[in-house]
Amino acid sequence: MKKYVLDASVYLSAILNKEEKEHKFVEEVFSEVFKKKAIIYSPNFILLEFANGLRFSLNNESLSSLSLEKFSQLPIEFFSFKPSHIKEILKIAYRFKTTVYDSSYHFLAKILDGVFYSSDSQYFKKAKSLGNIILV
């Protein structure tokens, strides 16, 4: 079974229809999930990161709240990092000069032997040598 880890920005772009490419990709991923061909994993902080993205993308609080509610109902398996995981994530962030948040998505894909899908081209350029990452 495929294991996906998607950055919050991929979901935001898809839901807000910012990029057709991300929208189509997310539809394909969830189609696989509903057919039981894939599982989506995410760090447990994604709801906060997604809410923050809504806050700065939408001027309508009610629409943001509704979008967050719908997002929270998606079939995503939330993952809680152990302190030892966070130590390794911090090493990755220092090694590639990236955020701990971006590095945590990538680390999660690595330990699950899945693939991290990111729309952040800067992160991708810095950390693609680590493997398990595709730029959407």
C-alpha atoms as a PDB file:
ATOM      1  CA  MET A   1       0.000   0.000   0.000  1.00  0.00           C
ATOM      2  CA  LYS A   2       1.271   3.471  -0.861  1.00  0.00           C
ATOM      3  CA  LYS A   3       2.095   5.857   1.960  1.00  0.00           C
ATOM      4  CA  TYR A   4       1.719   9.561   1.323  1.00  0.00           C
ATOM      5  CA  VAL A   5       2.817  12.529   3.413  1.00  0.00           C
ATOM      6  CA  LEU A   6       1.520  15.831   2.046  1.00  0.00           C
ATOM      7  CA  ASP A   7       2.675  19.257   3.152  1.00  0.00           C
ATOM      8  CA  ALA A   8      -0.067  21.572   4.468  1.00  0.00           C
ATOM      9  CA  SER A   9       0.646  23.938   1.574  1.00  0.00           C
ATOM     10  CA  VAL A  10      -0.378  21.228  -0.909  1.00  0.00           C
ATOM     11  CA  TYR A  11      -3.762  20.894   0.795  1.00  0.00           C
ATOM     12  CA  LEU A  12      -4.171  24.667   1.019  1.00  0.00           C
ATOM     13  CA  SER A  13      -3.396  25.187  -2.658  1.00  0.00           C
ATOM     14  CA  ALA A  14      -5.822  22.434  -3.617  1.00  0.00           C
ATOM     15  CA  ILE A  15      -8.655  23.573  -1.365  1.00  0.00           C
ATOM     16  CA  LEU A  16      -8.261  27.254  -2.205  1.00  0.00           C
ATOM     17  CA  ASN A  17      -7.921  26.398  -5.915  1.00  0.00           C
ATOM     18  CA  LYS A  18      -4.655  28.317  -6.107  1.00  0.00           C
ATOM     19  CA  GLU A  19      -3.004  25.753  -8.339  1.00  0.00           C
ATOM     20  CA  GLU A  20      -4.849  23.350 -10.638  1.00  0.00           C
ATOM     21  CA  LYS A  21      -1.890  20.970 -10.458  1.00  0.00           C
ATOM     22  CA  GLU A  22      -2.177  20.591  -6.660  1.00  0.00           C
ATOM     23  CA  HIS A  23      -5.960  20.321  -6.830  1.00  0.00           C
ATOM     24  CA  LYS A  24      -5.795  17.466  -9.343  1.00  0.00           C
ATOM     25  CA  PHE A  25      -3.006  15.738  -7.421  1.00  0.00           C
ATOM     26  CA  VAL A  26      -4.925  15.832  -4.117  1.00  0.00           C
ATOM     27  CA  GLU A  27      -8.036  14.446  -5.842  1.00  0.00           C
ATOM     28  CA  GLU A  28      -5.967  11.556  -7.228  1.00  0.00           C
ATOM     29  CA  VAL A  29      -4.424  10.836  -3.821  1.00  0.00           C
ATOM     30  CA  PHE A  30      -7.795  10.718  -2.065  1.00  0.00           C
ATOM     31  CA  SER A  31      -9.184   8.545  -4.840  1.00  0.00           C
ATOM     32  CA  GLU A  32      -6.441   6.025  -4.043  1.00  0.00           C
ATOM     33  CA  VAL A  33      -7.190   6.324  -0.312  1.00  0.00           C
ATOM     34  CA  PHE A  34     -10.900   5.640  -0.817  1.00  0.00           C
ATOM     35  CA  LYS A  35     -10.016   2.630  -2.983  1.00  0.00           C
ATOM     36  CA  LYS A  36      -7.793   1.371  -0.116  1.00  0.00           C
ATOM     37  CA  LYS A  37      -4.660   1.632  -2.278  1.00  0.00           C
ATOM     38  CA  ALA A  38      -2.979   4.312  -0.168  1.00  0.00           C
ATOM     39  CA  ILE A  39      -2.812   5.859   3.294  1.00  0.00           C
ATOM     40  CA  ILE A  40      -2.118   9.512   4.025  1.00  0.00           C
ATOM     41  CA  TYR A  41      -0.039  10.292   7.092  1.00  0.00           C
ATOM     42  CA  SER A  42       0.659  13.652   8.626  1.00  0.00           C
ATOM     43  CA  PRO A  43       2.360  15.123  11.663  1.00  0.00           C
ATOM     44  CA  ASN A  44      -0.264  15.865  14.294  1.00  0.00           C
ATOM     45  CA  PHE A  45       0.383  19.630  14.051  1.00  0.00           C
ATOM     46  CA  ILE A  46      -0.993  19.863  10.512  1.00  0.00           C
ATOM     47  CA  LEU A  47      -4.369  21.138  11.696  1.00  0.00           C
ATOM     48  CA  LEU A  48      -2.661  24.158  13.272  1.00  0.00           C
ATOM     49  CA  GLU A  49      -0.515  24.737  10.210  1.00  0.00           C
ATOM     50  CA  PHE A  50      -3.540  24.419   7.928  1.00  0.00           C
ATOM     51  CA  ALA A  51      -5.553  26.820  10.116  1.00  0.00           C
ATOM     52  CA  ASN A  52      -2.692  29.324  10.000  1.00  0.00           C
ATOM     53  CA  GLY A  53      -2.628  29.060   6.214  1.00  0.00           C
ATOM     54  CA  LEU A  54      -6.368  29.722   6.088  1.00  0.00           C
ATOM     55  CA  ARG A  55      -5.969  32.712   8.393  1.00  0.00           C
ATOM     56  CA  PHE A  56      -3.548  34.383   6.019  1.00  0.00           C
ATOM     57  CA  SER A  57      -5.238  33.244   2.781  1.00  0.00           C
ATOM     58  CA  LEU A  58      -8.883  34.047   3.466  1.00  0.00           C
ATOM     59  CA  ASN A  59     -10.435  37.231   4.815  1.00  0.00           C
ATOM     60  CA  ASN A  60     -13.618  35.402   5.774  1.00  0.00           C
ATOM     61  CA  GLU A  61     -13.514  33.824   9.240  1.00  0.00           C
ATOM     62  CA  SER A  62     -16.659  31.738   8.652  1.00  0.00           C
ATOM     63  CA  LEU A  63     -15.283  30.298   5.418  1.00  0.00           C
ATOM     64  CA  SER A  64     -11.972  29.540   7.135  1.00  0.00           C
ATOM     65  CA  SER A  65     -13.782  27.776   9.964  1.00  0.00           C
ATOM     66  CA  LEU A  66     -15.835  25.707   7.522  1.00  0.00           C
ATOM     67  CA  SER A  67     -12.727  24.817   5.501  1.00  0.00           C
ATOM     68  CA  LEU A  68     -10.906  23.729   8.670  1.00  0.00           C
ATOM     69  CA  GLU A  69     -13.862  21.598   9.732  1.00  0.00           C
ATOM     70  CA  LYS A  70     -13.964  19.842   6.352  1.00  0.00           C
ATOM     71  CA  PHE A  71     -10.198  19.376   6.339  1.00  0.00           C
ATOM     72  CA  SER A  72     -10.269  17.834   9.829  1.00  0.00           C
ATOM     73  CA  GLN A  73     -12.690  15.169   8.555  1.00  0.00           C
ATOM     74  CA  LEU A  74     -10.371  13.923   5.813  1.00  0.00           C
ATOM     75  CA  PRO A  75      -9.016  10.375   6.191  1.00  0.00           C
ATOM     76  CA  ILE A  76      -5.562  11.365   7.401  1.00  0.00           C
ATOM     77  CA  GLU A  77      -3.601   9.279   9.898  1.00  0.00           C
ATOM     78  CA  PHE A  78      -2.043  11.670  12.414  1.00  0.00           C
ATOM     79  CA  PHE A  79       1.420  10.856  13.702  1.00  0.00           C
ATOM     80  CA  SER A  80       2.887  12.020  17.019  1.00  0.00           C
ATOM     81  CA  PHE A  81       6.642  12.356  17.116  1.00  0.00           C
ATOM     82  CA  LYS A  82       8.680  11.020  20.019  1.00  0.00           C
ATOM     83  CA  PRO A  83      11.479  13.153  21.494  1.00  0.00           C
ATOM     84  CA  SER A  84      14.028  10.961  19.689  1.00  0.00           C
ATOM     85  CA  HIS A  85      12.260  11.688  16.385  1.00  0.00           C
ATOM     86  CA  ILE A  86      12.337  15.420  17.045  1.00  0.00           C
ATOM     87  CA  LYS A  87      16.068  15.227  17.695  1.00  0.00           C
ATOM     88  CA  GLU A  88      16.551  13.602  14.267  1.00  0.00           C
ATOM     89  CA  ILE A  89      14.240  16.155  12.618  1.00  0.00           C
ATOM     90  CA  LEU A  90      16.291  18.962  14.137  1.00  0.00           C
ATOM     91  CA  LYS A  91      19.457  17.416  12.662  1.00  0.00           C
ATOM     92  CA  ILE A  92      17.835  17.365   9.216  1.00  0.00           C
ATOM     93  CA  ALA A  93      16.721  20.988   9.570  1.00  0.00           C
ATOM     94  CA  TYR A  94      20.257  22.088  10.448  1.00  0.00           C
ATOM     95  CA  ARG A  95      21.823  19.927   7.747  1.00  0.00           C
ATOM     96  CA  PHE A  96      19.664  21.383   4.965  1.00  0.00           C
ATOM     97  CA  LYS A  97      19.059  24.827   6.531  1.00  0.00           C
ATOM     98  CA  THR A  98      15.280  24.340   6.499  1.00  0.00           C
ATOM     99  CA  THR A  99      12.440  24.658   8.962  1.00  0.00           C
ATOM    100  CA  VAL A 100      11.774  21.989  11.533  1.00  0.00           C
ATOM    101  CA  TYR A 101       8.216  21.807  10.206  1.00  0.00           C
ATOM    102  CA  ASP A 102       9.225  21.011   6.609  1.00  0.00           C
ATOM    103  CA  SER A 103      11.853  18.606   7.852  1.00  0.00           C
ATOM    104  CA  SER A 104       9.290  16.815  10.015  1.00  0.00           C
ATOM    105  CA  TYR A 105       7.066  15.979   7.016  1.00  0.00           C
ATOM    106  CA  HIS A 106      10.101  14.643   5.184  1.00  0.00           C
ATOM    107  CA  PHE A 107      11.307  12.661   8.206  1.00  0.00           C
ATOM    108  CA  LEU A 108       7.857  11.119   8.580  1.00  0.00           C
ATOM    109  CA  ALA A 109       7.929   9.931   4.975  1.00  0.00           C
ATOM    110  CA  LYS A 110      11.396   8.459   5.553  1.00  0.00           C
ATOM    111  CA  ILE A 111      10.485   6.465   8.672  1.00  0.00           C
ATOM    112  CA  LEU A 112       7.264   5.184   7.078  1.00  0.00           C
ATOM    113  CA  ASP A 113       9.041   4.346   3.810  1.00  0.00           C
ATOM    114  CA  GLY A 114       6.559   6.585   2.053  1.00  0.00           C
ATOM    115  CA  VAL A 115       6.825   9.680  -0.111  1.00  0.00           C
ATOM    116  CA  PHE A 116       6.685  13.309   0.975  1.00  0.00           C
ATOM    117  CA  TYR A 117       4.868  15.494  -1.544  1.00  0.00           C
ATOM    118  CA  SER A 118       5.722  19.162  -1.233  1.00  0.00           C
ATOM    119  CA  SER A 119       4.895  22.257  -3.228  1.00  0.00           C
ATOM    120  CA  ASP A 120       7.836  24.093  -1.664  1.00  0.00           C
ATOM    121  CA  SER A 121      10.446  24.206  -4.417  1.00  0.00           C
ATOM    122  CA  GLN A 122      13.059  25.762  -2.107  1.00  0.00           C
ATOM    123  CA  TYR A 123      12.772  22.910   0.384  1.00  0.00           C
ATOM    124  CA  PHE A 124      12.806  20.373  -2.433  1.00  0.00           C
ATOM    125  CA  LYS A 125      16.040  21.795  -3.883  1.00  0.00           C
ATOM    126  CA  LYS A 126      17.742  21.734  -0.495  1.00  0.00           C
ATOM    127  CA  ALA A 127      16.638  18.301   0.710  1.00  0.00           C
ATOM    128  CA  LYS A 128      15.962  16.138  -2.348  1.00  0.00           C
ATOM    129  CA  SER A 129      19.203  14.238  -1.748  1.00  0.00           C
ATOM    130  CA  LEU A 130      17.552  12.740   1.345  1.00  0.00           C
ATOM    131  CA  GLY A 131      15.143  10.855  -0.944  1.00  0.00           C
ATOM    132  CA  ASN A 132      11.470  10.034  -0.397  1.00  0.00           C
ATOM    133  CA  ILE A 133      10.342  13.423  -1.748  1.00  0.00           C
ATOM    134  CA  ILE A 134       8.513  14.612  -4.866  1.00  0.00           C
ATOM    135  CA  LEU A 135       7.789  18.193  -5.863  1.00  0.00           C
ATOM    136  CA  VAL A 136       4.125  18.681  -6.751  1.00  0.00           C
END
